[in-house]
Amino acid sequence: ETGEVFALRGAGFASVQFHLESILSADGIDLLAELVTGALAPVHDRR
């Protein structure tokens, strides 16, 4: 409804507005692993 952005991702990058590392982020370490793995994954048409 408001358009407030919580996260971005694309070829070789990701970003989050929240704190994956916080005690308030219930699945923080799993989300971090997922986003980092995605950012590091080879993408043939990245350029």
All heavy atoms as atom14 arrays in JSON, in Angstrom:
{
  "sequence": "ETGEVFALRGAGFASVQFHLESILSADGIDLLAELVTGALAPVHDRR",
  "atom14_mask": [
    [1, 1, 1, 1, 1, 1, 1, 1, 1, 0, 0, 0, 0, 0],
    [1, 1, 1, 1, 1, 1, 1, 0, 0, 0, 0, 0, 0, 0],
    [1, 1, 1, 1, 0, 0, 0, 0, 0, 0, 0, 0, 0, 0],
    [1, 1, 1, 1, 1, 1, 1, 1, 1, 0, 0, 0, 0, 0],
    [1, 1, 1, 1, 1, 1, 1, 0, 0, 0, 0, 0, 0, 0],
    [1, 1, 1, 1, 1, 1, 1, 1, 1, 1, 1, 0, 0, 0],
    [1, 1, 1, 1, 1, 0, 0, 0, 0, 0, 0, 0, 0, 0],
    [1, 1, 1, 1, 1, 1, 1, 1, 0, 0, 0, 0, 0, 0],
    [1, 1, 1, 1, 1, 1, 1, 1, 1, 1, 1, 0, 0, 0],
    [1, 1, 1, 1, 0, 0, 0, 0, 0, 0, 0, 0, 0, 0],
    [1, 1, 1, 1, 1, 0, 0, 0, 0, 0, 0, 0, 0, 0],
    [1, 1, 1, 1, 0, 0, 0, 0, 0, 0, 0, 0, 0, 0],
    [1, 1, 1, 1, 1, 1, 1, 1, 1, 1, 1, 0, 0, 0],
    [1, 1, 1, 1, 1, 0, 0, 0, 0, 0, 0, 0, 0, 0],
    [1, 1, 1, 1, 1, 1, 0, 0, 0, 0, 0, 0, 0, 0],
    [1, 1, 1, 1, 1, 1, 1, 0, 0, 0, 0, 0, 0, 0],
    [1, 1, 1, 1, 1, 1, 1, 1, 1, 0, 0, 0, 0, 0],
    [1, 1, 1, 1, 1, 1, 1, 1, 1, 1, 1, 0, 0, 0],
    [1, 1, 1, 1, 1, 1, 1, 1, 1, 1, 0, 0, 0, 0],
    [1, 1, 1, 1, 1, 1, 1, 1, 0, 0, 0, 0, 0, 0],
    [1, 1, 1, 1, 1, 1, 1, 1, 1, 0, 0, 0, 0, 0],
    [1, 1, 1, 1, 1, 1, 0, 0, 0, 0, 0, 0, 0, 0],
    [1, 1, 1, 1, 1, 1, 1, 1, 0, 0, 0, 0, 0, 0],
    [1, 1, 1, 1, 1, 1, 1, 1, 0, 0, 0, 0, 0, 0],
    [1, 1, 1, 1, 1, 1, 0, 0, 0, 0, 0, 0, 0, 0],
    [1, 1, 1, 1, 1, 0, 0, 0, 0, 0, 0, 0, 0, 0],
    [1, 1, 1, 1, 1, 1, 1, 1, 0, 0, 0, 0, 0, 0],
    [1, 1, 1, 1, 0, 0, 0, 0, 0, 0, 0, 0, 0, 0],
    [1, 1, 1, 1, 1, 1, 1, 1, 0, 0, 0, 0, 0, 0],
    [1, 1, 1, 1, 1, 1, 1, 1, 0, 0, 0, 0, 0, 0],
    [1, 1, 1, 1, 1, 1, 1, 1, 0, 0, 0, 0, 0, 0],
    [1, 1, 1, 1, 1, 1, 1, 1, 0, 0, 0, 0, 0, 0],
    [1, 1, 1, 1, 1, 0, 0, 0, 0, 0, 0, 0, 0, 0],
    [1, 1, 1, 1, 1, 1, 1, 1, 1, 0, 0, 0, 0, 0],
    [1, 1, 1, 1, 1, 1, 1, 1, 0, 0, 0, 0, 0, 0],
    [1, 1, 1, 1, 1, 1, 1, 0, 0, 0, 0, 0, 0, 0],
    [1, 1, 1, 1, 1, 1, 1, 0, 0, 0, 0, 0, 0, 0],
    [1, 1, 1, 1, 0, 0, 0, 0, 0, 0, 0, 0, 0, 0],
    [1, 1, 1, 1, 1, 0, 0, 0, 0, 0, 0, 0, 0, 0],
    [1, 1, 1, 1, 1, 1, 1, 1, 0, 0, 0, 0, 0, 0],
    [1, 1, 1, 1, 1, 0, 0, 0, 0, 0, 0, 0, 0, 0],
    [1, 1, 1, 1, 1, 1, 1, 0, 0, 0, 0, 0, 0, 0],
    [1, 1, 1, 1, 1, 1, 1, 0, 0, 0, 0, 0, 0, 0],
    [1, 1, 1, 1, 1, 1, 1, 1, 1, 1, 0, 0, 0, 0],
    [1, 1, 1, 1, 1, 1, 1, 1, 0, 0, 0, 0, 0, 0],
    [1, 1, 1, 1, 1, 1, 1, 1, 1, 1, 1, 0, 0, 0],
    [1, 1, 1, 1, 1, 1, 1, 1, 1, 1, 1, 0, 0, 0]
  ],
  "atom14_positions": [
    [[0.82, -1.22, 0.0], [0.0, 0.0, 0.0], [0.84, 1.26, 0.0], [0.59, 2.19, -0.77], [-0.95, 0.0, 1.21], [-1.96, -1.14, 1.18], [-2.81, -1.18, 2.44], [-2.62, -0.29, 3.31], [-3.66, -2.09, 2.56], [0.0, 0.0, 0.0], [0.0, 0.0, 0.0], [0.0, 0.0, 0.0], [0.0, 0.0, 0.0], [0.0, 0.0, 0.0]],
    [[1.85, 1.34, 0.86], [2.64, 2.57, 0.98], [3.81, 2.62, 0.01], [4.36, 3.71, -0.24], [3.18, 2.73, 2.41], [4.14, 1.69, 2.67], [2.05, 2.65, 3.43], [0.0, 0.0, 0.0], [0.0, 0.0, 0.0], [0.0, 0.0, 0.0], [0.0, 0.0, 0.0], [0.0, 0.0, 0.0], [0.0, 0.0, 0.0], [0.0, 0.0, 0.0]],
    [[4.23, 1.48, -0.51], [5.4, 1.45, -1.38], [6.72, 1.47, -0.63], [7.79, 1.5, -1.27], [0.0, 0.0, 0.0], [0.0, 0.0, 0.0], [0.0, 0.0, 0.0], [0.0, 0.0, 0.0], [0.0, 0.0, 0.0], [0.0, 0.0, 0.0], [0.0, 0.0, 0.0], [0.0, 0.0, 0.0], [0.0, 0.0, 0.0], [0.0, 0.0, 0.0]],
    [[6.7, 1.44, 0.7], [7.94, 1.41, 1.47], [8.78, 0.2, 1.06], [8.3, -0.93, 1.07], [7.61, 1.35, 2.96], [8.82, 1.29, 3.88], [8.44, 1.01, 5.32], [7.23, 1.12, 5.66], [9.34, 0.66, 6.11], [0.0, 0.0, 0.0], [0.0, 0.0, 0.0], [0.0, 0.0, 0.0], [0.0, 0.0, 0.0], [0.0, 0.0, 0.0]],
    [[10.03, 0.44, 0.7], [10.89, -0.61, 0.15], [11.59, -1.33, 1.29], [12.26, -0.72, 2.12], [11.92, -0.02, -0.83], [12.89, -1.1, -1.3], [11.21, 0.6, -2.03], [0.0, 0.0, 0.0], [0.0, 0.0, 0.0], [0.0, 0.0, 0.0], [0.0, 0.0, 0.0], [0.0, 0.0, 0.0], [0.0, 0.0, 0.0], [0.0, 0.0, 0.0]],
    [[11.46, -2.66, 1.29], [12.09, -3.49, 2.31], [13.37, -4.15, 1.82], [14.27, -4.41, 2.62], [11.12, -4.57, 2.78], [9.82, -4.05, 3.32], [8.61, -4.56, 2.87], [9.8, -3.03, 4.27], [7.4, -4.08, 3.36], [8.6, -2.54, 4.77], [7.39, -3.06, 4.31], [0.0, 0.0, 0.0], [0.0, 0.0, 0.0], [0.0, 0.0, 0.0]],
    [[13.46, -4.43, 0.52], [14.64, -5.12, 0.01], [14.71, -4.96, -1.51], [13.7, -4.71, -2.18], [14.62, -6.6, 0.37], [0.0, 0.0, 0.0], [0.0, 0.0, 0.0], [0.0, 0.0, 0.0], [0.0, 0.0, 0.0], [0.0, 0.0, 0.0], [0.0, 0.0, 0.0], [0.0, 0.0, 0.0], [0.0, 0.0, 0.0], [0.0, 0.0, 0.0]],
    [[15.92, -5.11, -2.03], [16.18, -5.11, -3.47], [17.07, -6.31, -3.8], [17.86, -6.75, -2.98], [16.92, -3.84, -3.89], [16.32, -2.47, -3.52], [17.32, -1.37, -3.85], [15.01, -2.25, -4.24], [0.0, 0.0, 0.0], [0.0, 0.0, 0.0], [0.0, 0.0, 0.0], [0.0, 0.0, 0.0], [0.0, 0.0, 0.0], [0.0, 0.0, 0.0]],
    [[16.94, -6.82, -5.03], [17.9, -7.8, -5.5], [17.95, -7.77, -7.01], [17.0, -7.34, -7.68], [17.59, -9.2, -4.99], [16.34, -9.84, -5.54], [16.15, -11.23, -4.93], [14.93, -11.86, -5.44], [14.46, -13.04, -5.03], [15.11, -13.71, -4.07], [13.35, -13.55, -5.55], [0.0, 0.0, 0.0], [0.0, 0.0, 0.0], [0.0, 0.0, 0.0]],
    [[19.07, -8.21, -7.52], [19.28, -8.25, -8.96], [20.51, -9.08, -9.25], [21.0, -9.83, -8.4], [0.0, 0.0, 0.0], [0.0, 0.0, 0.0], [0.0, 0.0, 0.0], [0.0, 0.0, 0.0], [0.0, 0.0, 0.0], [0.0, 0.0, 0.0], [0.0, 0.0, 0.0], [0.0, 0.0, 0.0], [0.0, 0.0, 0.0], [0.0, 0.0, 0.0]],
    [[21.04, -8.93, -10.43], [22.2, -9.72, -10.84], [23.43, -9.28, -10.07], [24.0, -8.23, -10.34], [22.43, -9.57, -12.35], [0.0, 0.0, 0.0], [0.0, 0.0, 0.0], [0.0, 0.0, 0.0], [0.0, 0.0, 0.0], [0.0, 0.0, 0.0], [0.0, 0.0, 0.0], [0.0, 0.0, 0.0], [0.0, 0.0, 0.0], [0.0, 0.0, 0.0]],
    [[23.84, -10.08, -9.1], [25.06, -9.8, -8.36], [24.91, -8.82, -7.22], [25.92, -8.41, -6.64], [0.0, 0.0, 0.0], [0.0, 0.0, 0.0], [0.0, 0.0, 0.0], [0.0, 0.0, 0.0], [0.0, 0.0, 0.0], [0.0, 0.0, 0.0], [0.0, 0.0, 0.0], [0.0, 0.0, 0.0], [0.0, 0.0, 0.0], [0.0, 0.0, 0.0]],
    [[23.7, -8.44, -6.85], [23.55, -7.52, -5.71], [22.24, -7.82, -4.98], [21.3, -8.41, -5.52], [23.56, -6.06, -6.17], [22.36, -5.67, -7.0], [21.18, -5.23, -6.4], [22.4, -5.74, -8.39], [20.08, -4.88, -7.17], [21.3, -5.4, -9.16], [20.13, -4.96, -8.55], [0.0, 0.0, 0.0], [0.0, 0.0, 0.0], [0.0, 0.0, 0.0]],
    [[22.21, -7.41, -3.72], [21.0, -7.48, -2.9], [21.14, -6.43, -1.81], [22.24, -6.0, -1.46], [20.82, -8.87, -2.29], [0.0, 0.0, 0.0], [0.0, 0.0, 0.0], [0.0, 0.0, 0.0], [0.0, 0.0, 0.0], [0.0, 0.0, 0.0], [0.0, 0.0, 0.0], [0.0, 0.0, 0.0], [0.0, 0.0, 0.0], [0.0, 0.0, 0.0]],
    [[20.0, -6.01, -1.27], [20.03, -5.06, -0.16], [18.78, -5.23, 0.67], [17.74, -5.68, 0.18], [20.14, -3.61, -0.67], [18.94, -3.21, -1.33], [0.0, 0.0, 0.0], [0.0, 0.0, 0.0], [0.0, 0.0, 0.0], [0.0, 0.0, 0.0], [0.0, 0.0, 0.0], [0.0, 0.0, 0.0], [0.0, 0.0, 0.0], [0.0, 0.0, 0.0]],
    [[18.9, -4.88, 1.97], [17.76, -4.97, 2.88], [17.7, -3.72, 3.74], [18.72, -3.2, 4.16], [17.85, -6.23, 3.77], [17.65, -7.5, 2.95], [19.15, -6.29, 4.55], [0.0, 0.0, 0.0], [0.0, 0.0, 0.0], [0.0, 0.0, 0.0], [0.0, 0.0, 0.0], [0.0, 0.0, 0.0], [0.0, 0.0, 0.0], [0.0, 0.0, 0.0]],
    [[16.49, -3.27, 4.01], [16.29, -2.14, 4.9], [16.39, -2.56, 6.36], [16.79, -1.79, 7.22], [14.92, -1.51, 4.65], [14.55, -0.37, 5.57], [15.54, 0.77, 5.49], [15.53, 1.53, 4.55], [16.43, 0.87, 6.48], [0.0, 0.0, 0.0], [0.0, 0.0, 0.0], [0.0, 0.0, 0.0], [0.0, 0.0, 0.0], [0.0, 0.0, 0.0]],
    [[16.05, -3.8, 6.65], [16.05, -4.31, 8.02], [17.42, -4.88, 8.37], [18.35, -4.89, 7.56], [14.95, -5.36, 8.19], [14.92, -6.4, 7.1], [15.73, -7.52, 7.16], [14.08, -6.23, 5.99], [15.7, -8.47, 6.15], [14.04, -7.19, 4.98], [14.86, -8.3, 5.06], [0.0, 0.0, 0.0], [0.0, 0.0, 0.0], [0.0, 0.0, 0.0]],
    [[17.52, -5.4, 9.61], [18.8, -5.92, 10.1], [18.74, -7.44, 10.22], [18.17, -7.98, 11.17], [19.15, -5.28, 11.45], [19.6, -3.86, 11.31], [20.91, -3.51, 11.17], [18.88, -2.71, 11.25], [21.01, -2.19, 11.04], [19.79, -1.69, 11.09], [0.0, 0.0, 0.0], [0.0, 0.0, 0.0], [0.0, 0.0, 0.0], [0.0, 0.0, 0.0]],
    [[19.35, -8.11, 9.27], [19.41, -9.57, 9.27], [20.08, -10.09, 10.54], [19.78, -11.19, 11.01], [20.2, -10.06, 8.06], [19.63, -9.71, 6.69], [20.74, -9.64, 5.66], [18.58, -10.73, 6.3], [0.0, 0.0, 0.0], [0.0, 0.0, 0.0], [0.0, 0.0, 0.0], [0.0, 0.0, 0.0], [0.0, 0.0, 0.0], [0.0, 0.0, 0.0]],
    [[21.0, -9.31, 11.09], [21.81, -9.72, 12.22], [21.12, -9.49, 13.57], [21.58, -9.97, 14.6], [23.15, -8.98, 12.21], [23.08, -7.48, 12.45], [22.66, -6.64, 11.24], [22.1, -7.21, 10.26], [22.88, -5.42, 11.28], [0.0, 0.0, 0.0], [0.0, 0.0, 0.0], [0.0, 0.0, 0.0], [0.0, 0.0, 0.0], [0.0, 0.0, 0.0]],
    [[20.01, -8.76, 13.59], [19.33, -8.4, 14.83], [18.68, -9.61, 15.49], [18.21, -10.54, 14.81], [18.26, -7.34, 14.55], [17.42, -7.14, 15.66], [0.0, 0.0, 0.0], [0.0, 0.0, 0.0], [0.0, 0.0, 0.0], [0.0, 0.0, 0.0], [0.0, 0.0, 0.0], [0.0, 0.0, 0.0], [0.0, 0.0, 0.0], [0.0, 0.0, 0.0]],
    [[18.6, -9.56, 16.82], [17.86, -10.6, 17.53], [16.38, -10.55, 17.17], [15.64, -11.53, 17.36], [18.04, -10.46, 19.06], [17.58, -11.73, 19.78], [17.32, -9.23, 19.6], [17.89, -11.78, 21.25], [0.0, 0.0, 0.0], [0.0, 0.0, 0.0], [0.0, 0.0, 0.0], [0.0, 0.0, 0.0], [0.0, 0.0, 0.0], [0.0, 0.0, 0.0]],
    [[15.91, -9.45, 16.59], [14.53, -9.3, 16.17], [14.23, -9.97, 14.84], [13.06, -10.08, 14.46], [14.16, -7.81, 16.08], [14.21, -7.02, 17.39], [13.99, -5.54, 17.11], [13.18, -7.54, 18.38], [0.0, 0.0, 0.0], [0.0, 0.0, 0.0], [0.0, 0.0, 0.0], [0.0, 0.0, 0.0], [0.0, 0.0, 0.0], [0.0, 0.0, 0.0]],
    [[15.25, -10.4, 14.1], [15.06, -11.04, 12.79], [15.08, -12.56, 12.98], [16.14, -13.18, 13.08], [16.13, -10.59, 11.81], [15.99, -9.21, 11.53], [0.0, 0.0, 0.0], [0.0, 0.0, 0.0], [0.0, 0.0, 0.0], [0.0, 0.0, 0.0], [0.0, 0.0, 0.0], [0.0, 0.0, 0.0], [0.0, 0.0, 0.0], [0.0, 0.0, 0.0]],
    [[13.88, -13.14, 13.02], [13.75, -14.54, 13.43], [14.56, -15.48, 12.54], [15.17, -16.44, 13.03], [12.27, -14.93, 13.42], [0.0, 0.0, 0.0], [0.0, 0.0, 0.0], [0.0, 0.0, 0.0], [0.0, 0.0, 0.0], [0.0, 0.0, 0.0], [0.0, 0.0, 0.0], [0.0, 0.0, 0.0], [0.0, 0.0, 0.0], [0.0, 0.0, 0.0]],
    [[14.57, -15.24, 11.24], [15.29, -16.11, 10.3], [16.5, -15.4, 9.7], [16.89, -15.67, 8.56], [14.35, -16.56, 9.18], [13.12, -17.28, 9.72], [13.28, -18.12, 10.61], [12.01, -16.97, 9.25], [0.0, 0.0, 0.0], [0.0, 0.0, 0.0], [0.0, 0.0, 0.0], [0.0, 0.0, 0.0], [0.0, 0.0, 0.0], [0.0, 0.0, 0.0]],
    [[17.1, -14.51, 10.49], [18.12, -13.63, 9.94], [19.29, -14.34, 9.28], [19.7, -13.99, 8.17], [0.0, 0.0, 0.0], [0.0, 0.0, 0.0], [0.0, 0.0, 0.0], [0.0, 0.0, 0.0], [0.0, 0.0, 0.0], [0.0, 0.0, 0.0], [0.0, 0.0, 0.0], [0.0, 0.0, 0.0], [0.0, 0.0, 0.0], [0.0, 0.0, 0.0]],
    [[19.86, -15.34, 9.94], [21.05, -15.99, 9.38], [20.71, -16.75, 8.1], [21.5, -16.79, 7.15], [21.74, -16.89, 10.41], [23.12, -17.32, 9.88], [20.88, -18.08, 10.8], [24.0, -17.96, 10.92], [0.0, 0.0, 0.0], [0.0, 0.0, 0.0], [0.0, 0.0, 0.0], [0.0, 0.0, 0.0], [0.0, 0.0, 0.0], [0.0, 0.0, 0.0]],
    [[19.51, -17.34, 8.03], [19.11, -18.06, 6.81], [18.86, -17.08, 5.66], [19.24, -17.35, 4.51], [17.86, -18.89, 7.08], [18.11, -20.01, 8.08], [19.23, -20.57, 8.08], [17.2, -20.32, 8.86], [0.0, 0.0, 0.0], [0.0, 0.0, 0.0], [0.0, 0.0, 0.0], [0.0, 0.0, 0.0], [0.0, 0.0, 0.0], [0.0, 0.0, 0.0]],
    [[18.23, -15.95, 5.97], [18.02, -14.93, 4.93], [19.36, -14.38, 4.45], [19.55, -14.15, 3.24], [17.15, -13.8, 5.47], [15.69, -14.12, 5.77], [15.02, -12.93, 6.45], [14.96, -14.5, 4.5], [0.0, 0.0, 0.0], [0.0, 0.0, 0.0], [0.0, 0.0, 0.0], [0.0, 0.0, 0.0], [0.0, 0.0, 0.0], [0.0, 0.0, 0.0]],
    [[20.28, -14.15, 5.38], [21.6, -13.65, 5.01], [22.29, -14.64, 4.08], [22.85, -14.25, 3.04], [22.44, -13.42, 6.26], [23.88, -12.95, 6.05], [23.91, -11.58, 5.38], [24.63, -12.9, 7.39], [0.0, 0.0, 0.0], [0.0, 0.0, 0.0], [0.0, 0.0, 0.0], [0.0, 0.0, 0.0], [0.0, 0.0, 0.0], [0.0, 0.0, 0.0]],
    [[22.27, -15.91, 4.42], [22.89, -16.93, 3.57], [22.27, -16.94, 2.18], [22.98, -17.04, 1.16], [22.76, -18.3, 4.22], [0.0, 0.0, 0.0], [0.0, 0.0, 0.0], [0.0, 0.0, 0.0], [0.0, 0.0, 0.0], [0.0, 0.0, 0.0], [0.0, 0.0, 0.0], [0.0, 0.0, 0.0], [0.0, 0.0, 0.0], [0.0, 0.0, 0.0]],
    [[20.96, -16.82, 2.12], [20.26, -16.84, 0.84], [20.63, -15.63, -0.02], [20.92, -15.77, -1.22], [18.75, -16.87, 1.1], [17.89, -16.85, -0.16], [16.41, -16.8, 0.18], [16.0, -17.48, 1.16], [15.67, -16.09, -0.51], [0.0, 0.0, 0.0], [0.0, 0.0, 0.0], [0.0, 0.0, 0.0], [0.0, 0.0, 0.0], [0.0, 0.0, 0.0]],
    [[20.65, -14.45, 0.58], [20.95, -13.24, -0.19], [22.4, -13.21, -0.65], [22.7, -12.81, -1.78], [20.63, -12.0, 0.64], [19.14, -11.77, 0.93], [18.96, -10.67, 1.97], [18.39, -11.43, -0.34], [0.0, 0.0, 0.0], [0.0, 0.0, 0.0], [0.0, 0.0, 0.0], [0.0, 0.0, 0.0], [0.0, 0.0, 0.0], [0.0, 0.0, 0.0]],
    [[23.32, -13.62, 0.24], [24.73, -13.63, -0.14], [24.99, -14.68, -1.23], [25.71, -14.42, -2.2], [25.62, -13.89, 1.09], [27.07, -14.11, 0.68], [25.52, -12.72, 2.06], [0.0, 0.0, 0.0], [0.0, 0.0, 0.0], [0.0, 0.0, 0.0], [0.0, 0.0, 0.0], [0.0, 0.0, 0.0], [0.0, 0.0, 0.0], [0.0, 0.0, 0.0]],
    [[24.39, -15.85, -1.08], [24.56, -16.89, -2.1], [24.05, -16.41, -3.45], [24.69, -16.62, -4.49], [23.82, -18.17, -1.67], [24.36, -18.63, -0.43], [23.97, -19.26, -2.72], [0.0, 0.0, 0.0], [0.0, 0.0, 0.0], [0.0, 0.0, 0.0], [0.0, 0.0, 0.0], [0.0, 0.0, 0.0], [0.0, 0.0, 0.0], [0.0, 0.0, 0.0]],
    [[22.9, -15.73, -3.43], [22.36, -15.2, -4.68], [23.26, -14.14, -5.3], [23.46, -14.11, -6.52], [0.0, 0.0, 0.0], [0.0, 0.0, 0.0], [0.0, 0.0, 0.0], [0.0, 0.0, 0.0], [0.0, 0.0, 0.0], [0.0, 0.0, 0.0], [0.0, 0.0, 0.0], [0.0, 0.0, 0.0], [0.0, 0.0, 0.0], [0.0, 0.0, 0.0]],
    [[23.82, -13.25, -4.46], [24.69, -12.19, -4.98], [25.97, -12.77, -5.56], [26.52, -12.23, -6.54], [25.02, -11.2, -3.87], [0.0, 0.0, 0.0], [0.0, 0.0, 0.0], [0.0, 0.0, 0.0], [0.0, 0.0, 0.0], [0.0, 0.0, 0.0], [0.0, 0.0, 0.0], [0.0, 0.0, 0.0], [0.0, 0.0, 0.0], [0.0, 0.0, 0.0]],
    [[26.46, -13.87, -4.98], [27.71, -14.47, -5.43], [27.53, -15.43, -6.59], [28.51, -15.82, -7.24], [28.38, -15.23, -4.27], [28.96, -14.37, -3.15], [29.36, -15.25, -1.98], [30.17, -13.59, -3.64], [0.0, 0.0, 0.0], [0.0, 0.0, 0.0], [0.0, 0.0, 0.0], [0.0, 0.0, 0.0], [0.0, 0.0, 0.0], [0.0, 0.0, 0.0]],
    [[26.29, -15.84, -6.87], [26.05, -16.84, -7.91], [26.43, -16.27, -9.28], [26.14, -15.11, -9.59], [24.59, -17.26, -7.9], [0.0, 0.0, 0.0], [0.0, 0.0, 0.0], [0.0, 0.0, 0.0], [0.0, 0.0, 0.0], [0.0, 0.0, 0.0], [0.0, 0.0, 0.0], [0.0, 0.0, 0.0], [0.0, 0.0, 0.0], [0.0, 0.0, 0.0]],
    [[27.06, -17.09, -10.12], [27.41, -16.61, -11.46], [26.15, -16.37, -12.3], [25.21, -17.15, -12.26], [28.25, -17.76, -12.04], [27.84, -18.96, -11.26], [27.5, -18.47, -9.89], [0.0, 0.0, 0.0], [0.0, 0.0, 0.0], [0.0, 0.0, 0.0], [0.0, 0.0, 0.0], [0.0, 0.0, 0.0], [0.0, 0.0, 0.0], [0.0, 0.0, 0.0]],
    [[26.11, -15.27, -12.99], [25.0, -14.93, -13.86], [25.57, -14.62, -15.23], [26.32, -13.65, -15.4], [24.2, -13.71, -13.32], [23.05, -13.38, -14.25], [23.68, -13.99, -11.92], [0.0, 0.0, 0.0], [0.0, 0.0, 0.0], [0.0, 0.0, 0.0], [0.0, 0.0, 0.0], [0.0, 0.0, 0.0], [0.0, 0.0, 0.0], [0.0, 0.0, 0.0]],
    [[25.25, -15.44, -16.23], [25.9, -15.33, -17.54], [25.6, -14.01, -18.23], [26.46, -13.45, -18.92], [25.46, -16.49, -18.44], [25.88, -17.83, -17.9], [27.2, -18.18, -17.71], [25.15, -18.9, -17.49], [27.28, -19.42, -17.22], [26.04, -19.87, -17.06], [0.0, 0.0, 0.0], [0.0, 0.0, 0.0], [0.0, 0.0, 0.0], [0.0, 0.0, 0.0]],
    [[24.39, -13.49, -18.04], [24.05, -12.24, -18.72], [24.09, -11.05, -17.76], [23.39, -10.07, -17.92], [22.67, -12.34, -19.36], [21.57, -12.6, -18.32], [21.91, -12.99, -17.18], [20.39, -12.44, -18.68], [0.0, 0.0, 0.0], [0.0, 0.0, 0.0], [0.0, 0.0, 0.0], [0.0, 0.0, 0.0], [0.0, 0.0, 0.0], [0.0, 0.0, 0.0]],
    [[24.96, -11.15, -16.7], [25.0, -10.09, -15.69], [25.31, -8.73, -16.29], [24.69, -7.73, -15.96], [26.04, -10.44, -14.62], [26.19, -9.35, -13.56], [27.24, -9.73, -12.54], [26.76, -10.82, -11.7], [27.52, -11.47, -10.83], [28.8, -11.16, -10.72], [27.01, -12.43, -10.1], [0.0, 0.0, 0.0], [0.0, 0.0, 0.0], [0.0, 0.0, 0.0]],
    [[26.27, -8.69, -17.22], [26.63, -7.39, -17.78], [25.48, -6.77, -18.55], [25.26, -5.56, -18.52], [27.88, -7.52, -18.66], [29.12, -7.85, -17.85], [30.38, -7.69, -18.7], [31.55, -8.02, -17.89], [32.14, -7.19, -17.06], [31.65, -5.97, -16.91], [33.19, -7.56, -16.35], [0.0, 0.0, 0.0], [0.0, 0.0, 0.0], [0.0, 0.0, 0.0]]
  ]
}
